Amino acid sequence: MKWIPGLVLAGAALYAAIGRELPLVGSGKGAFWTLAILGFAVCAPGIGSAIEGGGFTSPLFVVGAVLGVLAMVLAAAVTTGIRPAFLATDAQLVVAIASIIVLKVAIATANAAVAAAR
């Protein structure tokens, strides 16, 4: 059942990236915040297992942490209204946060494989 939040995130990201409105949240910033909040919620429990998998100095943990900080900076940029030029539209913001989520899921999967191999 761990895959259900990921499936919801993937569906929401795809739906919003093609410009369609999501039920209950709409499109644009609503879709961005839905993805960001769900992404943070899915990621938070995995921090402890990532530390167990290789410690704070593990390359997988460091890359995951950097991507997490990038997601928080992106959320702060949306909150303040300050956007980089390459993220001019709401659809680009949705794709950016979805890409970060996909990368973090790949890192978490790799980290779990490394931990299982030990």
C-alpha atoms as a PDB file:
ATOM      1  CA  MET A   1       0.000   0.000   0.000  1.00  0.00           C
ATOM      2  CA  LYS A   2       3.031   2.278   0.091  1.00  0.00           C
ATOM      3  CA  TRP A   3       2.651   2.914  -3.637  1.00  0.00           C
ATOM      4  CA  ILE A   4      -0.759   4.646  -3.363  1.00  0.00           C
ATOM      5  CA  PRO A   5       0.603   8.145  -2.497  1.00  0.00           C
ATOM      6  CA  GLY A   6       3.116   7.823  -5.327  1.00  0.00           C
ATOM      7  CA  LEU A   7       0.365   6.874  -7.737  1.00  0.00           C
ATOM      8  CA  VAL A   8      -1.704   9.866  -6.622  1.00  0.00           C
ATOM      9  CA  LEU A   9       1.321  12.144  -7.066  1.00  0.00           C
ATOM     10  CA  ALA A  10       2.112  10.778 -10.521  1.00  0.00           C
ATOM     11  CA  GLY A  11      -1.474  11.117 -11.684  1.00  0.00           C
ATOM     12  CA  ALA A  12      -1.805  14.642 -10.320  1.00  0.00           C
ATOM     13  CA  ALA A  13       1.479  15.703 -11.898  1.00  0.00           C
ATOM     14  CA  LEU A  14       0.589  14.291 -15.304  1.00  0.00           C
ATOM     15  CA  TYR A  15      -2.915  15.730 -15.232  1.00  0.00           C
ATOM     16  CA  ALA A  16      -1.716  19.191 -14.209  1.00  0.00           C
ATOM     17  CA  ALA A  17       1.255  19.198 -16.593  1.00  0.00           C
ATOM     18  CA  ILE A  18      -1.031  18.776 -19.601  1.00  0.00           C
ATOM     19  CA  GLY A  19      -3.003  21.815 -18.448  1.00  0.00           C
ATOM     20  CA  ARG A  20      -6.098  20.105 -17.089  1.00  0.00           C
ATOM     21  CA  GLU A  21      -7.722  21.093 -13.829  1.00  0.00           C
ATOM     22  CA  LEU A  22      -7.481  18.706 -10.907  1.00  0.00           C
ATOM     23  CA  PRO A  23     -10.704  18.010  -9.026  1.00  0.00           C
ATOM     24  CA  LEU A  24     -10.925  20.073  -5.809  1.00  0.00           C
ATOM     25  CA  VAL A  25      -7.602  21.916  -6.354  1.00  0.00           C
ATOM     26  CA  GLY A  26      -7.847  23.288  -9.887  1.00  0.00           C
ATOM     27  CA  SER A  27      -4.719  23.914 -11.889  1.00  0.00           C
ATOM     28  CA  GLY A  28      -1.664  26.082 -11.541  1.00  0.00           C
ATOM     29  CA  LYS A  29      -0.723  26.935  -7.996  1.00  0.00           C
ATOM     30  CA  GLY A  30      -3.346  24.630  -6.512  1.00  0.00           C
ATOM     31  CA  ALA A  31      -1.812  21.679  -8.349  1.00  0.00           C
ATOM     32  CA  PHE A  32       1.680  22.819  -7.344  1.00  0.00           C
ATOM     33  CA  TRP A  33       0.755  22.976  -3.662  1.00  0.00           C
ATOM     34  CA  THR A  34      -1.020  19.631  -3.813  1.00  0.00           C
ATOM     35  CA  LEU A  35       2.095  18.006  -5.242  1.00  0.00           C
ATOM     36  CA  ALA A  36       4.426  19.838  -2.870  1.00  0.00           C
ATOM     37  CA  ILE A  37       2.474  18.965   0.287  1.00  0.00           C
ATOM     38  CA  LEU A  38       1.976  15.332  -0.737  1.00  0.00           C
ATOM     39  CA  GLY A  39       5.634  15.109  -1.756  1.00  0.00           C
ATOM     40  CA  PHE A  40       6.831  16.458   1.591  1.00  0.00           C
ATOM     41  CA  ALA A  41       4.445  14.121   3.430  1.00  0.00           C
ATOM     42  CA  VAL A  42       5.674  11.073   1.519  1.00  0.00           C
ATOM     43  CA  CYS A  43       9.319  12.056   1.940  1.00  0.00           C
ATOM     44  CA  ALA A  44       9.331  12.881   5.653  1.00  0.00           C
ATOM     45  CA  PRO A  45       9.070   9.300   7.006  1.00  0.00           C
ATOM     46  CA  GLY A  46      11.856   8.176   4.690  1.00  0.00           C
ATOM     47  CA  ILE A  47      14.476  10.474   6.182  1.00  0.00           C
ATOM     48  CA  GLY A  48      15.138   8.138   9.113  1.00  0.00           C
ATOM     49  CA  SER A  49      15.502   5.087   6.898  1.00  0.00           C
ATOM     50  CA  ALA A  50      17.812   7.017   4.581  1.00  0.00           C
ATOM     51  CA  ILE A  51      20.068   7.831   7.521  1.00  0.00           C
ATOM     52  CA  GLU A  52      20.021   4.179   8.605  1.00  0.00           C
ATOM     53  CA  GLY A  53      20.857   3.098   5.064  1.00  0.00           C
ATOM     54  CA  GLY A  54      24.155   4.921   4.789  1.00  0.00           C
ATOM     55  CA  GLY A  55      24.375   7.730   7.292  1.00  0.00           C
ATOM     56  CA  PHE A  56      24.606  11.459   6.771  1.00  0.00           C
ATOM     57  CA  THR A  57      27.639  11.145   4.512  1.00  0.00           C
ATOM     58  CA  SER A  58      26.070   8.672   2.096  1.00  0.00           C
ATOM     59  CA  PRO A  59      26.004  10.113  -1.440  1.00  0.00           C
ATOM     60  CA  LEU A  60      22.366   9.060  -1.786  1.00  0.00           C
ATOM     61  CA  PHE A  61      21.406  10.909   1.398  1.00  0.00           C
ATOM     62  CA  VAL A  62      23.315  14.040   0.344  1.00  0.00           C
ATOM     63  CA  VAL A  63      21.688  14.140  -3.114  1.00  0.00           C
ATOM     64  CA  GLY A  64      18.264  13.525  -1.576  1.00  0.00           C
ATOM     65  CA  ALA A  65      18.822  16.304   0.948  1.00  0.00           C
ATOM     66  CA  VAL A  66      19.920  18.733  -1.776  1.00  0.00           C
ATOM     67  CA  LEU A  67      16.807  17.909  -3.812  1.00  0.00           C
ATOM     68  CA  GLY A  68      14.655  18.382  -0.702  1.00  0.00           C
ATOM     69  CA  VAL A  69      16.166  21.802  -0.106  1.00  0.00           C
ATOM     70  CA  LEU A  70      15.590  22.646  -3.785  1.00  0.00           C
ATOM     71  CA  ALA A  71      11.911  21.686  -3.373  1.00  0.00           C
ATOM     72  CA  MET A  72      11.644  23.923  -0.293  1.00  0.00           C
ATOM     73  CA  VAL A  73      13.279  26.824  -2.158  1.00  0.00           C
ATOM     74  CA  LEU A  74      10.813  26.297  -5.009  1.00  0.00           C
ATOM     75  CA  ALA A  75       7.912  26.354  -2.531  1.00  0.00           C
ATOM     76  CA  ALA A  76       9.296  29.533  -0.955  1.00  0.00           C
ATOM     77  CA  ALA A  77       9.588  31.120  -4.399  1.00  0.00           C
ATOM     78  CA  VAL A  78       5.947  30.351  -5.132  1.00  0.00           C
ATOM     79  CA  THR A  79       4.894  31.691  -1.730  1.00  0.00           C
ATOM     80  CA  THR A  80       6.754  34.982  -2.183  1.00  0.00           C
ATOM     81  CA  GLY A  81       5.890  35.347  -5.860  1.00  0.00           C
ATOM     82  CA  ILE A  82       9.563  35.496  -6.844  1.00  0.00           C
ATOM     83  CA  ARG A  83      10.080  33.090  -9.723  1.00  0.00           C
ATOM     84  CA  PRO A  84      13.151  32.317 -11.761  1.00  0.00           C
ATOM     85  CA  ALA A  85      12.759  33.237 -15.422  1.00  0.00           C
ATOM     86  CA  PHE A  86      12.831  29.602 -16.546  1.00  0.00           C
ATOM     87  CA  LEU A  87       9.770  28.816 -14.389  1.00  0.00           C
ATOM     88  CA  ALA A  88       7.491  31.510 -15.745  1.00  0.00           C
ATOM     89  CA  THR A  89       4.246  29.521 -15.952  1.00  0.00           C
ATOM     90  CA  ASP A  90       2.336  27.484 -13.410  1.00  0.00           C
ATOM     91  CA  ALA A  91       2.639  24.381 -15.608  1.00  0.00           C
ATOM     92  CA  GLN A  92       6.435  24.699 -15.477  1.00  0.00           C
ATOM     93  CA  LEU A  93       6.269  24.896 -11.674  1.00  0.00           C
ATOM     94  CA  VAL A  94       4.195  21.710 -11.581  1.00  0.00           C
ATOM     95  CA  VAL A  95       6.670  19.919 -13.842  1.00  0.00           C
ATOM     96  CA  ALA A  96       9.595  21.156 -11.708  1.00  0.00           C
ATOM     97  CA  ILE A  97       8.157  19.906  -8.403  1.00  0.00           C
ATOM     98  CA  ALA A  98       7.044  16.637 -10.027  1.00  0.00           C
ATOM     99  CA  SER A  99      10.561  16.117 -11.411  1.00  0.00           C
ATOM    100  CA  ILE A 100      12.071  16.633  -7.974  1.00  0.00           C
ATOM    101  CA  ILE A 101       9.609  14.116  -6.531  1.00  0.00           C
ATOM    102  CA  VAL A 102      10.453  11.531  -9.206  1.00  0.00           C
ATOM    103  CA  LEU A 103      14.183  11.949  -8.555  1.00  0.00           C
ATOM    104  CA  LYS A 104      13.681  11.615  -4.799  1.00  0.00           C
ATOM    105  CA  VAL A 105      11.639   8.431  -5.269  1.00  0.00           C
ATOM    106  CA  ALA A 106      14.435   6.986  -7.419  1.00  0.00           C
ATOM    107  CA  ILE A 107      16.983   7.888  -4.736  1.00  0.00           C
ATOM    108  CA  ALA A 108      14.826   6.351  -1.996  1.00  0.00           C
ATOM    109  CA  THR A 109      14.517   3.153  -4.041  1.00  0.00           C
ATOM    110  CA  ALA A 110      18.271   3.017  -4.559  1.00  0.00           C
ATOM    111  CA  ASN A 111      18.881   3.696  -0.870  1.00  0.00           C
ATOM    112  CA  ALA A 112      16.523   0.858   0.106  1.00  0.00           C
ATOM    113  CA  ALA A 113      18.381  -1.485  -2.250  1.00  0.00           C
ATOM    114  CA  VAL A 114      21.721  -0.489  -0.703  1.00  0.00           C
ATOM    115  CA  ALA A 115      20.353  -0.995   2.813  1.00  0.00           C
ATOM    116  CA  ALA A 116      18.939  -4.417   1.895  1.00  0.00           C
ATOM    117  CA  ALA A 117      22.290  -5.495   0.452  1.00  0.00           C
ATOM    118  CA  ARG A 118      24.059  -4.882   3.773  1.00  0.00           C
END
